[in-house]
Amino acid sequence: IACLVLKEEPFVMVSENVLGKPKKYQGFSIDVLDALSNYLGFKYEIYVAPDHKYGSLQPDGQWNGLMGELVFKRADVGLSALTITPERESVVDFTTRYMDYSVGVLLRKAERTVDMFACLAPFDLSLWACIAGTVLLVGILVYLLNWLNPPRLPMGSVSSTTLYNSMWFVYGSFVQQGGEVPYTTLATRMMMGVWWMFALIVISSYTANLAAFLTITRIENSIQSLQDLSKQTELPYGTVLDSAVYDQVRSKAMNPFERDPMYSQMWRMINRTGGADNNVEESKEGIRKVKYGRFGFVWDAAVLEYVANNDEDCSFYTVSNSAPDRGYGIAMQHGSPYRDIFSQSRTNKSTTDGCLSCCCMTQQGFVGSKHFEDQKSSFLFLNSTWSLESV
């Protein structure tokens, strides 16, 4: 059987490319094909679509891409991230779906910046100002209490109660480091008891907020759904020309019977200048535009999730529709005798179990390590203070 494929991770990928030898392929679709081959006992040869397109109906009434090869009977089977659409079903046959399909968008995460004052973020500026003012006020009160009611000292001893020492003692007790000057009068002890309770509450609140601040991702991306994407115009986005996604957006935007306001807004952006500005020829090109520029790539959600999970920089995130409305299938020539055989084999439990067990085991995505930039702020702040003191 002549199988026509289109390279699309994780559905079809080149696993081995030795000079002078045929390429070997792997991926979700290849696993499905292998499972069917082992179950039915047929052999196949893989060819890549010559124009690297899935195919769509052109203005002259002809199909291009992988679909065109099947229509003109130059291949027996076509598979990759090939979605089942009514337009395609009118010219070729499909097996039953082997995976659900939905539209998603690939976006780049906002970049984190180093802020040397990030350690102060758990409290806002007004609260820090109140704390600093309270330290000054309590330091002055402690000094006045000891000045008005000085402690009893041994004969010949000189009191070390100064405004500077009082301030230092209050500050040291606030940061839970103690102080150097003992205060023995009842009024001062009562004042310090209240101050220690206040410091305990403030420090506990700061510690709890700091832990949450450092462990919870604070990057708030404004686009969290396809609706958010369609409503904004600052970030350009597009898809692959002559693809099922391109046709789906155009159909739901232009067809009066299924017109969707969200897709109408998306189509205005995608079709800007006739689709030349915001669309790409291949999915890899769209992924590169997202990684190295300001761009949103609208494509198959399964493909985008694989790309995001296997990106070494963990620089992507995806947004997709919650409910799949289509599916992936294996395309064949119209009236092909293989359709019913493949579909029945797909529904056979022994085949699907073996197929899905190996297909669904994709590579685990790299988990982003805990960012050190924000925690570095405390060290930067301390280093700056030491530098000023050394001067």
Protein backbone atom coordinates (compact mmCIF):
# COMPACT_ATOMS: atom_id res chain seq x y z
CA ILE A 1 0.00 0.00 0.00
CA ALA A 2 1.36 3.44 -0.92
CA CYS A 3 0.99 5.63 2.17
CA LEU A 4 1.32 9.39 1.78
CA VAL A 5 2.29 11.31 4.92
CA LEU A 6 3.02 14.84 6.01
CA LYS A 7 5.62 15.42 8.70
CA GLU A 8 3.89 16.83 11.75
CA GLU A 9 4.99 16.22 15.34
CA PRO A 10 3.89 14.11 17.16
CA PHE A 11 1.91 12.35 14.41
CA VAL A 12 4.65 11.75 11.83
CA MET A 13 8.34 12.28 12.58
CA VAL A 14 11.60 11.11 11.02
CA SER A 15 13.20 8.68 13.46
CA GLU A 16 16.28 7.75 11.42
CA ASN A 17 17.84 9.35 8.37
CA VAL A 18 20.90 7.44 7.13
CA LEU A 19 22.42 8.61 3.87
CA GLY A 20 21.61 6.18 1.07
CA LYS A 21 18.91 4.35 3.03
CA PRO A 22 15.15 4.92 3.20
CA LYS A 23 13.95 7.19 5.97
CA LYS A 24 12.27 5.65 8.97
CA TYR A 25 9.29 7.31 10.56
CA GLN A 26 7.64 7.27 13.95
CA GLY A 27 4.79 9.05 15.66
CA PHE A 28 1.15 8.67 16.59
CA SER A 29 -0.11 8.09 13.04
CA ILE A 30 2.75 5.72 12.24
CA ASP A 31 1.91 3.70 15.36
CA VAL A 32 -1.70 3.44 14.20
CA LEU A 33 -0.52 2.31 10.77
CA ASP A 34 1.88 -0.24 12.28
CA ALA A 35 -0.86 -1.65 14.48
CA LEU A 36 -3.17 -2.05 11.50
CA SER A 37 -0.36 -3.56 9.43
CA ASN A 38 0.44 -6.15 12.09
CA TYR A 39 -3.22 -6.98 12.61
CA LEU A 40 -4.21 -7.23 8.94
CA GLY A 41 -0.89 -8.48 7.59
CA PHE A 42 -0.21 -5.93 4.85
CA LYS A 43 2.97 -4.04 3.93
CA TYR A 44 3.25 -0.37 3.13
CA GLU A 45 5.65 2.20 1.71
CA ILE A 46 5.73 5.77 2.98
CA TYR A 47 5.97 8.83 0.76
CA VAL A 48 5.97 12.48 1.78
CA ALA A 49 3.47 14.89 0.23
CA PRO A 50 5.37 16.77 -2.51
CA ASP A 51 4.14 20.27 -1.63
CA HIS A 52 4.12 19.65 2.16
CA LYS A 53 0.45 20.67 2.47
CA TYR A 54 -2.60 18.87 3.78
CA GLY A 55 -4.61 20.21 0.89
CA SER A 56 -7.69 22.30 0.27
CA LEU A 57 -10.04 23.07 -2.58
CA GLN A 58 -8.55 25.70 -4.88
CA PRO A 59 -10.50 28.35 -6.83
CA ASP A 60 -10.09 26.29 -10.02
CA GLY A 61 -11.89 23.35 -8.38
CA GLN A 62 -8.73 21.24 -7.93
CA TRP A 63 -7.33 19.89 -4.68
CA ASN A 64 -3.69 20.40 -3.74
CA GLY A 65 -1.43 18.82 -1.14
CA LEU A 66 -1.98 15.40 0.35
CA MET A 67 -5.66 15.50 -0.56
CA GLY A 68 -4.83 16.17 -4.20
CA GLU A 69 -2.56 13.13 -4.34
CA LEU A 70 -5.43 10.93 -3.13
CA VAL A 71 -7.97 12.54 -5.46
CA PHE A 72 -5.70 11.92 -8.45
CA LYS A 73 -5.08 8.34 -7.18
CA ARG A 74 -1.34 8.73 -6.81
CA ALA A 75 -1.49 7.23 -3.30
CA ASP A 76 -3.66 4.65 -1.55
CA VAL A 77 -3.65 6.01 1.99
CA GLY A 78 -2.95 9.43 3.49
CA LEU A 79 -2.33 10.08 7.15
CA SER A 80 -0.82 12.57 9.56
CA ALA A 81 -2.65 15.16 11.65
CA LEU A 82 -5.37 14.86 9.01
CA THR A 83 -8.77 16.01 10.21
CA ILE A 84 -12.08 14.70 8.94
CA THR A 85 -14.08 17.54 7.36
CA PRO A 86 -17.24 17.50 5.20
CA GLU A 87 -15.33 19.04 2.30
CA ARG A 88 -12.69 16.32 2.37
CA GLU A 89 -15.23 13.55 2.84
CA SER A 90 -16.88 14.62 -0.41
CA VAL A 91 -13.81 13.60 -2.46
CA VAL A 92 -12.07 10.91 -0.35
CA ASP A 93 -13.05 8.26 2.18
CA PHE A 94 -12.05 8.31 5.85
CA THR A 95 -11.82 5.62 8.48
CA THR A 96 -13.46 6.16 11.83
CA ARG A 97 -11.67 8.76 13.92
CA TYR A 98 -8.79 7.52 16.04
CA MET A 99 -8.32 10.73 18.01
CA ASP A 100 -10.39 13.82 18.82
CA TYR A 101 -9.47 17.16 17.30
CA SER A 102 -9.86 20.74 18.48
CA VAL A 103 -8.40 24.09 17.51
CA GLY A 104 -5.85 25.74 19.79
CA VAL A 105 -3.37 28.58 19.78
CA LEU A 106 0.31 28.49 20.70
CA LEU A 107 1.59 31.55 22.57
CA ARG A 108 4.86 32.57 24.13
CA LYS A 109 5.00 33.07 27.87
CA ALA A 110 5.82 36.51 29.15
CA GLU A 111 9.50 36.83 29.97
CA ARG A 112 10.53 37.10 33.59
CA THR A 113 12.72 40.01 34.63
CA VAL A 114 15.10 40.29 37.59
CA ASP A 115 13.88 42.76 40.20
CA MET A 116 16.27 43.43 43.07
CA PHE A 117 13.36 44.64 45.21
CA ALA A 118 11.18 41.59 44.59
CA CYS A 119 11.76 40.49 48.20
CA LEU A 120 9.67 43.50 49.21
CA ALA A 121 6.74 42.47 47.00
CA PRO A 122 4.71 40.60 49.68
CA PHE A 123 3.82 44.01 51.16
CA ASP A 124 2.89 47.09 49.20
CA LEU A 125 4.72 50.38 49.51
CA SER A 126 2.20 51.96 51.87
CA LEU A 127 2.50 49.05 54.31
CA TRP A 128 6.30 49.22 54.27
CA ALA A 129 6.05 52.96 54.97
CA CYS A 130 3.74 52.28 57.92
CA ILE A 131 6.14 49.66 59.30
CA ALA A 132 9.12 52.02 58.99
CA GLY A 133 7.15 54.80 60.66
CA THR A 134 6.10 52.45 63.45
CA VAL A 135 9.72 51.43 64.09
CA LEU A 136 10.71 55.09 64.40
CA LEU A 137 7.74 55.92 66.63
CA VAL A 138 8.27 52.97 68.98
CA GLY A 139 12.00 53.72 69.16
CA ILE A 140 11.27 57.30 70.21
CA LEU A 141 8.67 56.17 72.78
CA VAL A 142 11.09 53.66 74.31
CA TYR A 143 13.73 56.37 74.56
CA LEU A 144 11.29 58.81 76.19
CA LEU A 145 10.04 56.20 78.67
CA ASN A 146 13.59 55.42 79.76
CA TRP A 147 14.48 59.09 79.88
CA LEU A 148 11.44 59.98 82.04
CA ASN A 149 11.75 56.88 84.22
CA PRO A 150 15.38 55.75 84.06
CA PRO A 151 16.23 52.28 85.34
CA ARG A 152 18.11 51.82 88.59
CA LEU A 153 21.79 51.24 87.90
CA PRO A 154 24.60 50.01 90.15
CA MET A 155 26.73 52.64 91.83
CA GLY A 156 29.16 54.15 89.35
CA SER A 157 27.39 52.80 86.24
CA VAL A 158 26.44 55.12 83.41
CA SER A 159 23.18 54.63 81.50
CA SER A 160 23.64 53.70 77.85
CA THR A 161 20.11 54.74 76.98
CA THR A 162 20.35 56.86 73.86
CA LEU A 163 17.99 57.48 70.99
CA TYR A 164 20.32 55.53 68.70
CA ASN A 165 20.41 52.51 71.02
CA SER A 166 16.63 52.60 71.45
CA MET A 167 16.11 52.64 67.70
CA TRP A 168 18.56 49.80 67.23
CA PHE A 169 16.92 47.73 69.97
CA VAL A 170 13.44 48.20 68.48
CA TYR A 171 14.66 47.34 64.98
CA GLY A 172 16.58 44.27 66.20
CA SER A 173 13.56 42.94 68.05
CA PHE A 174 11.38 43.54 65.00
CA VAL A 175 13.60 41.35 62.79
CA GLN A 176 13.83 38.80 65.64
CA GLN A 177 17.51 39.37 66.32
CA GLY A 178 17.29 40.75 69.86
CA GLY A 179 19.01 43.87 71.13
CA GLU A 180 21.99 45.03 73.12
CA VAL A 181 20.42 47.33 75.72
CA PRO A 182 18.35 45.79 78.56
CA TYR A 183 15.28 47.75 79.56
CA THR A 184 14.11 46.91 83.06
CA THR A 185 11.39 49.45 83.83
CA LEU A 186 7.80 48.23 83.89
CA ALA A 187 6.57 50.76 81.34
CA THR A 188 9.29 49.88 78.87
CA ARG A 189 8.71 46.16 79.28
CA MET A 190 4.99 46.60 78.66
CA MET A 191 5.76 48.66 75.57
CA MET A 192 8.22 46.06 74.27
CA GLY A 193 5.78 43.20 74.99
CA VAL A 194 3.19 44.80 72.74
CA TRP A 195 5.87 45.55 70.14
CA TRP A 196 7.08 41.95 70.09
CA MET A 197 3.53 40.71 69.53
CA PHE A 198 3.13 43.20 66.68
CA ALA A 199 6.46 42.09 65.16
CA LEU A 200 5.47 38.42 65.43
CA ILE A 201 2.25 39.01 63.49
CA VAL A 202 3.93 41.13 60.80
CA ILE A 203 6.88 38.76 60.29
CA SER A 204 4.58 35.72 60.14
CA SER A 205 2.40 37.43 57.53
CA TYR A 206 5.46 38.44 55.51
CA THR A 207 6.90 34.91 55.59
CA ALA A 208 3.63 33.35 54.44
CA ASN A 209 3.17 35.87 51.63
CA LEU A 210 6.79 35.53 50.52
CA ALA A 211 6.50 31.74 50.28
CA ALA A 212 3.38 32.06 48.15
CA PHE A 213 4.98 34.80 46.08
CA LEU A 214 8.00 32.65 45.23
CA THR A 215 6.17 29.40 44.53
CA ILE A 216 3.12 30.53 42.57
CA THR A 217 3.66 31.61 38.97
CA ARG A 218 2.73 35.25 38.75
CA ILE A 219 2.91 35.64 34.99
CA GLU A 220 -0.57 36.70 34.05
CA ASN A 221 -1.04 36.17 30.35
CA SER A 222 -3.95 38.19 29.10
CA ILE A 223 -4.98 35.59 26.47
CA GLN A 224 -6.60 32.62 28.18
CA SER A 225 -9.10 31.54 25.52
CA LEU A 226 -9.79 31.77 21.81
CA GLN A 227 -12.35 34.45 22.65
CA ASP A 228 -9.61 36.56 24.24
CA LEU A 229 -7.46 36.04 21.17
CA SER A 230 -10.20 37.13 18.79
CA LYS A 231 -11.09 40.26 20.76
CA GLN A 232 -7.58 41.73 20.74
CA THR A 233 -5.69 43.18 17.77
CA GLU A 234 -2.26 43.93 19.25
CA LEU A 235 -0.87 40.41 18.87
CA PRO A 236 -0.98 39.12 15.27
CA TYR A 237 -1.91 35.49 14.74
CA GLY A 238 -2.43 33.12 11.87
CA THR A 239 -2.39 29.50 10.74
CA VAL A 240 -1.18 27.32 7.88
CA LEU A 241 -2.52 28.21 4.45
CA ASP A 242 -4.73 25.62 2.75
CA SER A 243 -5.16 23.63 5.96
CA ALA A 244 -8.24 22.34 7.75
CA VAL A 245 -7.88 25.04 10.40
CA TYR A 246 -7.70 27.73 7.74
CA ASP A 247 -10.80 26.35 6.03
CA GLN A 248 -12.65 25.93 9.33
CA VAL A 249 -12.10 29.54 10.39
CA ARG A 250 -13.08 30.78 6.94
CA SER A 251 -16.19 28.59 6.82
CA LYS A 252 -17.47 29.63 10.25
CA ALA A 253 -16.79 33.27 9.44
CA MET A 254 -18.25 33.37 5.93
CA ASN A 255 -21.03 30.77 5.95
CA PRO A 256 -24.31 32.54 6.86
CA PHE A 257 -25.77 29.31 8.32
CA GLU A 258 -23.00 28.75 10.89
CA ARG A 259 -21.53 32.23 11.27
CA ASP A 260 -19.73 32.62 14.58
CA PRO A 261 -18.75 36.12 15.82
CA MET A 262 -15.53 34.79 17.33
CA TYR A 263 -14.44 33.16 14.08
CA SER A 264 -15.48 36.27 12.14
CA GLN A 265 -13.07 38.36 14.20
CA MET A 266 -10.35 35.73 13.81
CA TRP A 267 -10.86 35.59 10.05
CA ARG A 268 -10.35 39.35 9.73
CA MET A 269 -6.92 38.96 11.33
CA ILE A 270 -5.98 35.74 9.52
CA ASN A 271 -7.12 37.02 6.13
CA ARG A 272 -5.42 40.40 6.43
CA THR A 273 -3.87 41.37 3.08
CA GLY A 274 -5.25 38.20 1.57
CA GLY A 275 -3.66 35.97 4.18
CA ALA A 276 -0.09 36.81 3.17
CA ASP A 277 0.99 38.59 6.36
CA ASN A 278 -0.17 36.35 9.19
CA ASN A 279 -0.19 32.87 7.67
CA VAL A 280 2.60 30.38 7.04
CA GLU A 281 3.28 27.55 4.62
CA GLU A 282 4.21 24.95 7.27
CA SER A 283 3.49 24.48 10.95
CA LYS A 284 7.19 24.59 11.84
CA GLU A 285 7.37 28.10 10.46
CA GLY A 286 4.48 29.17 12.67
CA ILE A 287 6.13 27.65 15.76
CA ARG A 288 9.36 29.53 14.98
CA LYS A 289 7.45 32.80 14.65
CA VAL A 290 5.95 32.28 18.11
CA LYS A 291 9.30 31.41 19.69
CA TYR A 292 11.30 34.27 18.23
CA GLY A 293 8.71 36.99 17.76
CA ARG A 294 5.30 38.35 18.72
CA PHE A 295 2.88 35.92 17.12
CA GLY A 296 0.06 33.52 17.96
CA PHE A 297 -0.09 30.28 15.99
CA VAL A 298 -3.59 28.81 15.53
CA TRP A 299 -3.33 25.08 14.87
CA ASP A 300 -4.30 21.60 16.02
CA ALA A 301 -4.44 21.54 19.82
CA ALA A 302 -2.80 18.09 20.04
CA VAL A 303 0.20 19.25 18.01
CA LEU A 304 0.54 22.48 19.97
CA GLU A 305 0.39 20.70 23.33
CA TYR A 306 3.14 18.34 22.22
CA VAL A 307 5.29 21.30 21.13
CA ALA A 308 4.71 23.14 24.41
CA ASN A 309 5.42 20.08 26.58
CA ASN A 310 8.66 19.25 24.75
CA ASP A 311 10.12 22.73 24.47
CA GLU A 312 13.43 22.80 26.34
CA ASP A 313 13.01 26.46 27.31
CA CYS A 314 9.45 25.97 28.58
CA SER A 315 8.62 29.16 26.71
CA PHE A 316 5.20 28.17 25.32
CA TYR A 317 1.70 27.82 26.63
CA THR A 318 -1.42 26.74 24.77
CA VAL A 319 -5.07 27.72 24.76
CA SER A 320 -7.69 25.52 23.10
CA ASN A 321 -11.39 24.91 22.79
CA SER A 322 -12.79 22.83 25.62
CA ALA A 323 -14.91 20.51 23.45
CA PRO A 324 -13.50 18.73 20.38
CA ASP A 325 -15.78 19.02 17.37
CA ARG A 326 -13.91 16.86 14.86
CA GLY A 327 -11.46 13.98 14.73
CA TYR A 328 -8.34 12.64 13.05
CA GLY A 329 -8.74 9.85 10.52
CA ILE A 330 -6.95 7.93 7.79
CA ALA A 331 -7.84 9.18 4.31
CA MET A 332 -8.18 6.87 1.30
CA GLN A 333 -9.20 7.08 -2.32
CA HIS A 334 -12.91 7.50 -2.91
CA GLY A 335 -14.47 4.03 -2.97
CA SER A 336 -11.37 2.36 -1.56
CA PRO A 337 -11.88 -1.26 -0.40
CA TYR A 338 -9.56 -0.59 2.56
CA ARG A 339 -11.94 1.79 4.33
CA ASP A 340 -14.28 -0.76 5.89
CA ILE A 341 -11.43 -3.14 6.70
CA PHE A 342 -9.42 -0.42 8.45
CA SER A 343 -12.46 0.94 10.28
CA GLN A 344 -13.49 -2.49 11.55
CA SER A 345 -9.94 -3.19 12.67
CA ARG A 346 -9.82 0.14 14.49
CA THR A 347 -12.87 -0.82 16.51
CA ASN A 348 -11.41 -4.21 17.37
CA LYS A 349 -10.34 -4.12 21.01
CA SER A 350 -7.13 -6.08 20.54
CA THR A 351 -5.95 -3.63 17.87
CA THR A 352 -6.90 -0.40 19.57
CA ASP A 353 -5.48 -1.46 22.91
CA GLY A 354 -2.12 -2.26 21.38
CA CYS A 355 -2.18 0.86 19.26
CA LEU A 356 -3.16 3.36 21.90
CA SER A 357 -0.81 1.95 24.49
CA CYS A 358 2.18 2.82 22.35
CA CYS A 359 0.73 5.94 20.72
CA CYS A 360 -0.16 7.81 23.83
CA MET A 361 3.28 7.50 25.37
CA THR A 362 4.74 10.78 24.14
CA GLN A 363 7.81 12.35 25.60
CA GLN A 364 7.38 13.94 28.96
CA GLY A 365 7.65 17.69 28.84
CA PHE A 366 10.41 19.51 30.60
CA VAL A 367 9.18 20.95 33.85
CA GLY A 368 10.39 24.47 34.43
CA SER A 369 12.66 24.74 37.44
CA LYS A 370 11.81 27.10 40.25
CA HIS A 371 12.93 30.54 39.19
CA PHE A 372 15.76 32.00 41.24
CA GLU A 373 15.46 35.53 39.87
CA ASP A 374 13.00 36.77 42.48
CA GLN A 375 14.81 35.14 45.38
CA LYS A 376 18.05 36.65 44.12
CA SER A 377 16.56 40.05 44.85
CA SER A 378 17.25 39.71 48.58
CA PHE A 379 20.92 38.98 47.90
CA LEU A 380 21.17 41.86 45.44
CA PHE A 381 19.59 44.16 47.98
CA LEU A 382 22.01 43.02 50.69
CA ASN A 383 24.99 43.36 48.36
CA SER A 384 23.95 46.90 47.45
CA THR A 385 23.69 47.81 51.12
CA TRP A 386 27.15 46.43 51.86
CA SER A 387 28.56 48.35 48.91
CA LEU A 388 27.15 51.61 50.25
CA GLU A 389 28.52 50.88 53.71
CA SER A 390 31.98 50.17 52.33
CA VAL A 391 31.98 53.57 50.61
